[in-house]
Amino acid sequence: MPFDEHTLVYKVGGKMFCLLDATQFNGCALKCDPERIPELRESFEGIDAGPYLSRRHWNYVWPVPTGDVPWIVFEGLLKESYALVYQGLTRKVKAEVDASGKV
């Protein structure tokens, strides 16, 4: 919780891939491929730019029941966010993540 007592941050290799309000979960911020962002925001009312993060690289996602994003889509976006951040890590950090056995 590097920002405040409410914002839970998930990281891989020291880099953020998911942020959420731990006291009142209704959605979360996920890293996203910039080329997919327009399509996702047009397809779902529950996907939009979130506060404080780059509109070009991050989406705020509200899954069912607080939004209209089906849970299966939400899970896919979460996995994509993790993979996108993991891909950007150095070989050394990837090796450390892989060796730790933590996903």
N, C-alpha and C. Protein backbone atom coordinates (compact mmCIF):
# COMPACT_ATOMS: atom_id res chain seq x y z
N MET A 1 0.85 -1.18 0.00
CA MET A 1 0.00 0.00 0.00
C MET A 1 0.89 1.24 0.00
N PRO A 2 1.55 1.50 -1.11
CA PRO A 2 2.53 2.59 -1.15
C PRO A 2 1.92 3.99 -1.22
N PHE A 3 0.65 4.11 -1.59
CA PHE A 3 0.07 5.44 -1.77
C PHE A 3 -0.71 5.92 -0.55
N ASP A 4 -1.54 5.06 0.00
CA ASP A 4 -2.33 5.40 1.18
C ASP A 4 -2.85 4.12 1.80
N GLU A 5 -3.65 4.23 2.86
CA GLU A 5 -4.14 3.05 3.57
C GLU A 5 -5.31 2.35 2.87
N HIS A 6 -5.75 2.87 1.75
CA HIS A 6 -6.87 2.28 1.02
C HIS A 6 -6.49 1.65 -0.31
N THR A 7 -5.43 2.12 -0.94
CA THR A 7 -5.08 1.67 -2.28
C THR A 7 -4.12 0.48 -2.23
N LEU A 8 -4.64 -0.66 -2.65
CA LEU A 8 -3.85 -1.88 -2.71
C LEU A 8 -3.23 -1.97 -4.10
N VAL A 9 -1.92 -2.21 -4.14
CA VAL A 9 -1.19 -2.25 -5.40
C VAL A 9 -0.59 -3.64 -5.59
N TYR A 10 -0.90 -4.25 -6.73
CA TYR A 10 -0.30 -5.54 -7.09
C TYR A 10 0.82 -5.27 -8.08
N LYS A 11 1.96 -5.95 -7.83
CA LYS A 11 3.14 -5.74 -8.67
C LYS A 11 3.71 -7.07 -9.12
N VAL A 12 4.43 -7.03 -10.24
CA VAL A 12 5.27 -8.13 -10.68
C VAL A 12 6.63 -7.53 -10.98
N GLY A 13 7.66 -8.10 -10.40
CA GLY A 13 9.01 -7.58 -10.61
C GLY A 13 9.16 -6.13 -10.18
N GLY A 14 8.37 -5.71 -9.19
CA GLY A 14 8.45 -4.34 -8.69
C GLY A 14 7.65 -3.32 -9.50
N LYS A 15 6.93 -3.76 -10.52
CA LYS A 15 6.15 -2.87 -11.39
C LYS A 15 4.66 -3.12 -11.18
N MET A 16 3.88 -2.05 -11.15
CA MET A 16 2.45 -2.14 -10.92
C MET A 16 1.72 -2.72 -12.13
N PHE A 17 0.74 -3.60 -11.85
CA PHE A 17 -0.15 -4.06 -12.91
C PHE A 17 -1.62 -3.96 -12.52
N CYS A 18 -1.90 -3.73 -11.23
CA CYS A 18 -3.29 -3.62 -10.77
C CYS A 18 -3.35 -2.77 -9.50
N LEU A 19 -4.30 -1.84 -9.47
CA LEU A 19 -4.53 -1.01 -8.29
C LEU A 19 -6.02 -1.06 -7.96
N LEU A 20 -6.33 -1.15 -6.66
CA LEU A 20 -7.74 -1.15 -6.27
C LEU A 20 -7.91 -0.58 -4.88
N ASP A 21 -9.13 -0.16 -4.60
CA ASP A 21 -9.49 0.34 -3.27
C ASP A 21 -9.83 -0.87 -2.42
N ALA A 22 -8.99 -1.18 -1.46
CA ALA A 22 -9.15 -2.37 -0.63
C ALA A 22 -10.31 -2.28 0.34
N THR A 23 -10.77 -1.07 0.63
CA THR A 23 -11.86 -0.92 1.59
C THR A 23 -13.23 -0.98 0.93
N GLN A 24 -13.27 -0.73 -0.37
CA GLN A 24 -14.56 -0.68 -1.07
C GLN A 24 -14.36 -1.11 -2.51
N PHE A 25 -14.09 -2.41 -2.72
CA PHE A 25 -13.82 -2.87 -4.08
C PHE A 25 -15.06 -2.73 -4.95
N ASN A 26 -14.91 -1.99 -6.03
CA ASN A 26 -15.96 -1.92 -7.05
C ASN A 26 -15.36 -1.95 -8.44
N GLY A 27 -14.06 -2.10 -8.52
CA GLY A 27 -13.34 -2.15 -9.77
C GLY A 27 -11.87 -1.92 -9.50
N CYS A 28 -11.08 -1.91 -10.55
CA CYS A 28 -9.65 -1.67 -10.36
C CYS A 28 -9.03 -1.09 -11.63
N ALA A 29 -7.85 -0.55 -11.46
CA ALA A 29 -7.08 -0.02 -12.58
C ALA A 29 -6.16 -1.12 -13.09
N LEU A 30 -6.15 -1.32 -14.41
CA LEU A 30 -5.33 -2.34 -15.03
C LEU A 30 -4.54 -1.75 -16.18
N LYS A 31 -3.30 -2.14 -16.29
CA LYS A 31 -2.46 -1.75 -17.42
C LYS A 31 -3.02 -2.41 -18.67
N CYS A 32 -2.92 -1.72 -19.80
CA CYS A 32 -3.52 -2.24 -21.03
C CYS A 32 -2.68 -1.83 -22.24
N ASP A 33 -2.69 -2.67 -23.25
CA ASP A 33 -2.05 -2.35 -24.52
C ASP A 33 -2.76 -1.12 -25.09
N PRO A 34 -2.04 -0.04 -25.36
CA PRO A 34 -2.67 1.18 -25.87
C PRO A 34 -3.53 0.97 -27.11
N GLU A 35 -3.21 -0.01 -27.94
CA GLU A 35 -3.99 -0.26 -29.16
C GLU A 35 -5.37 -0.85 -28.85
N ARG A 36 -5.53 -1.51 -27.70
CA ARG A 36 -6.81 -2.12 -27.33
C ARG A 36 -7.72 -1.16 -26.57
N ILE A 37 -7.17 -0.11 -26.01
CA ILE A 37 -7.95 0.77 -25.14
C ILE A 37 -9.18 1.37 -25.83
N PRO A 38 -9.08 1.94 -27.03
CA PRO A 38 -10.30 2.50 -27.64
C PRO A 38 -11.41 1.47 -27.83
N GLU A 39 -11.07 0.29 -28.30
CA GLU A 39 -12.06 -0.77 -28.52
C GLU A 39 -12.74 -1.17 -27.21
N LEU A 40 -11.95 -1.34 -26.16
CA LEU A 40 -12.51 -1.74 -24.87
C LEU A 40 -13.43 -0.67 -24.30
N ARG A 41 -13.02 0.58 -24.40
CA ARG A 41 -13.84 1.67 -23.86
C ARG A 41 -15.13 1.86 -24.65
N GLU A 42 -15.11 1.54 -25.94
CA GLU A 42 -16.33 1.62 -26.74
C GLU A 42 -17.26 0.44 -26.48
N SER A 43 -16.69 -0.71 -26.11
CA SER A 43 -17.48 -1.93 -25.93
C SER A 43 -18.19 -2.01 -24.58
N PHE A 44 -17.62 -1.38 -23.56
CA PHE A 44 -18.17 -1.50 -22.21
C PHE A 44 -18.24 -0.13 -21.54
N GLU A 45 -19.38 0.17 -20.93
CA GLU A 45 -19.47 1.40 -20.13
C GLU A 45 -18.60 1.28 -18.88
N GLY A 46 -18.35 0.05 -18.43
CA GLY A 46 -17.55 -0.19 -17.23
C GLY A 46 -16.06 -0.22 -17.46
N ILE A 47 -15.60 0.31 -18.58
CA ILE A 47 -14.16 0.46 -18.83
C ILE A 47 -13.94 1.90 -19.27
N ASP A 48 -13.12 2.60 -18.51
CA ASP A 48 -12.86 4.01 -18.79
C ASP A 48 -11.50 4.39 -18.25
N ALA A 49 -11.08 5.59 -18.50
CA ALA A 49 -9.83 6.10 -17.93
C ALA A 49 -10.05 6.30 -16.44
N GLY A 50 -9.08 5.92 -15.66
CA GLY A 50 -9.18 6.10 -14.22
C GLY A 50 -8.43 7.35 -13.78
N PRO A 51 -8.67 7.75 -12.55
CA PRO A 51 -7.98 8.93 -12.04
C PRO A 51 -6.50 8.65 -11.76
N TYR A 52 -5.68 9.65 -11.95
CA TYR A 52 -4.27 9.65 -11.55
C TYR A 52 -3.34 8.80 -12.40
N LEU A 53 -3.85 8.04 -13.36
CA LEU A 53 -2.99 7.18 -14.18
C LEU A 53 -3.07 7.59 -15.64
N SER A 54 -2.08 7.19 -16.40
CA SER A 54 -2.03 7.53 -17.82
C SER A 54 -3.22 6.95 -18.57
N ARG A 55 -3.98 7.81 -19.23
CA ARG A 55 -5.14 7.38 -20.03
C ARG A 55 -4.70 6.49 -21.19
N ARG A 56 -3.47 6.65 -21.61
CA ARG A 56 -2.95 5.91 -22.76
C ARG A 56 -2.58 4.46 -22.40
N HIS A 57 -2.26 4.20 -21.15
CA HIS A 57 -1.77 2.87 -20.75
C HIS A 57 -2.60 2.16 -19.70
N TRP A 58 -3.58 2.85 -19.11
CA TRP A 58 -4.35 2.27 -18.02
C TRP A 58 -5.85 2.44 -18.24
N ASN A 59 -6.60 1.41 -17.86
CA ASN A 59 -8.06 1.46 -17.83
C ASN A 59 -8.52 1.24 -16.40
N TYR A 60 -9.64 1.84 -16.05
CA TYR A 60 -10.31 1.48 -14.81
C TYR A 60 -11.47 0.58 -15.24
N VAL A 61 -11.57 -0.59 -14.61
CA VAL A 61 -12.52 -1.61 -15.03
C VAL A 61 -13.49 -1.91 -13.89
N TRP A 62 -14.79 -1.80 -14.19
CA TRP A 62 -15.85 -2.11 -13.23
C TRP A 62 -16.54 -3.40 -13.69
N PRO A 63 -16.20 -4.54 -13.05
CA PRO A 63 -16.85 -5.78 -13.44
C PRO A 63 -18.25 -5.90 -12.84
N VAL A 64 -19.02 -6.85 -13.34
CA VAL A 64 -20.33 -7.17 -12.78
C VAL A 64 -20.11 -7.53 -11.31
N PRO A 65 -20.86 -7.10 -10.35
CA PRO A 65 -22.16 -6.46 -10.45
C PRO A 65 -22.11 -4.93 -10.39
N THR A 66 -20.94 -4.32 -10.18
CA THR A 66 -20.89 -2.85 -10.11
C THR A 66 -20.82 -2.20 -11.48
N GLY A 67 -20.44 -2.96 -12.50
CA GLY A 67 -20.35 -2.45 -13.86
C GLY A 67 -20.90 -3.48 -14.83
N ASP A 68 -20.62 -3.25 -16.11
CA ASP A 68 -21.16 -4.15 -17.13
C ASP A 68 -20.11 -5.08 -17.74
N VAL A 69 -18.92 -5.12 -17.17
CA VAL A 69 -17.86 -5.98 -17.70
C VAL A 69 -18.03 -7.39 -17.14
N PRO A 70 -18.31 -8.38 -18.00
CA PRO A 70 -18.47 -9.75 -17.52
C PRO A 70 -17.20 -10.22 -16.79
N TRP A 71 -17.41 -11.05 -15.79
CA TRP A 71 -16.29 -11.50 -14.96
C TRP A 71 -15.21 -12.18 -15.80
N ILE A 72 -15.59 -12.95 -16.79
CA ILE A 72 -14.62 -13.64 -17.65
C ILE A 72 -13.75 -12.64 -18.41
N VAL A 73 -14.33 -11.53 -18.85
CA VAL A 73 -13.58 -10.48 -19.54
C VAL A 73 -12.65 -9.80 -18.55
N PHE A 74 -13.16 -9.52 -17.35
CA PHE A 74 -12.35 -8.90 -16.30
C PHE A 74 -11.12 -9.76 -15.99
N GLU A 75 -11.33 -11.06 -15.81
CA GLU A 75 -10.21 -11.96 -15.52
C GLU A 75 -9.18 -11.94 -16.65
N GLY A 76 -9.66 -11.92 -17.89
CA GLY A 76 -8.75 -11.85 -19.03
C GLY A 76 -7.94 -10.57 -19.04
N LEU A 77 -8.59 -9.44 -18.73
CA LEU A 77 -7.88 -8.16 -18.69
C LEU A 77 -6.85 -8.13 -17.57
N LEU A 78 -7.17 -8.76 -16.44
CA LEU A 78 -6.23 -8.84 -15.33
C LEU A 78 -5.00 -9.65 -15.74
N LYS A 79 -5.22 -10.78 -16.38
CA LYS A 79 -4.09 -11.61 -16.85
C LYS A 79 -3.27 -10.87 -17.90
N GLU A 80 -3.94 -10.16 -18.80
CA GLU A 80 -3.23 -9.39 -19.82
C GLU A 80 -2.39 -8.29 -19.19
N SER A 81 -2.91 -7.65 -18.15
CA SER A 81 -2.18 -6.60 -17.46
C SER A 81 -0.89 -7.17 -16.86
N TYR A 82 -1.02 -8.29 -16.18
CA TYR A 82 0.15 -8.95 -15.59
C TYR A 82 1.17 -9.29 -16.69
N ALA A 83 0.69 -9.92 -17.77
CA ALA A 83 1.58 -10.34 -18.86
C ALA A 83 2.27 -9.14 -19.52
N LEU A 84 1.54 -8.06 -19.70
CA LEU A 84 2.10 -6.86 -20.33
C LEU A 84 3.24 -6.30 -19.49
N VAL A 85 3.03 -6.23 -18.18
CA VAL A 85 4.07 -5.71 -17.30
C VAL A 85 5.24 -6.69 -17.22
N TYR A 86 4.94 -7.98 -17.13
CA TYR A 86 5.99 -9.01 -17.08
C TYR A 86 6.88 -8.93 -18.32
N GLN A 87 6.26 -8.77 -19.49
CA GLN A 87 7.02 -8.70 -20.75
C GLN A 87 7.99 -7.53 -20.77
N GLY A 88 7.67 -6.46 -20.06
CA GLY A 88 8.52 -5.28 -20.04
C GLY A 88 9.66 -5.35 -19.05
N LEU A 89 9.71 -6.42 -18.27
CA LEU A 89 10.80 -6.56 -17.28
C LEU A 89 12.10 -6.97 -17.96
N THR A 90 13.19 -6.69 -17.31
CA THR A 90 14.48 -7.13 -17.82
C THR A 90 14.60 -8.65 -17.67
N ARG A 91 15.51 -9.25 -18.41
CA ARG A 91 15.72 -10.70 -18.30
C ARG A 91 16.08 -11.10 -16.88
N LYS A 92 16.88 -10.29 -16.23
CA LYS A 92 17.31 -10.60 -14.86
C LYS A 92 16.11 -10.62 -13.92
N VAL A 93 15.26 -9.61 -14.01
CA VAL A 93 14.10 -9.54 -13.13
C VAL A 93 13.11 -10.66 -13.46
N LYS A 94 12.91 -10.95 -14.76
CA LYS A 94 12.04 -12.08 -15.14
C LYS A 94 12.55 -13.37 -14.52
N ALA A 95 13.86 -13.59 -14.57
CA ALA A 95 14.44 -14.81 -14.00
C ALA A 95 14.18 -14.86 -12.48
N GLU A 96 14.29 -13.72 -11.81
CA GLU A 96 14.02 -13.67 -10.37
C GLU A 96 12.55 -13.97 -10.08
N VAL A 97 11.65 -13.42 -10.88
CA VAL A 97 10.22 -13.68 -10.72
C VAL A 97 9.93 -15.16 -10.96
N ASP A 98 10.48 -15.71 -12.03
CA ASP A 98 10.27 -17.12 -12.36
C ASP A 98 10.82 -18.04 -11.27
N ALA A 99 11.99 -17.69 -10.73
CA ALA A 99 12.62 -18.51 -9.69
C ALA A 99 11.85 -18.46 -8.38
N SER A 100 11.15 -17.38 -8.15
CA SER A 100 10.42 -17.23 -6.88
C SER A 100 9.21 -18.15 -6.82
N GLY A 101 8.72 -18.57 -7.99
CA GLY A 101 7.55 -19.44 -8.03
C GLY A 101 6.25 -18.72 -7.78
N LYS A 102 6.29 -17.39 -7.59
CA LYS A 102 5.08 -16.61 -7.35
C LYS A 102 4.52 -16.14 -8.69
N VAL A 103 3.24 -16.25 -8.85
CA VAL A 103 2.60 -15.82 -10.10
C VAL A 103 1.93 -14.49 -9.90
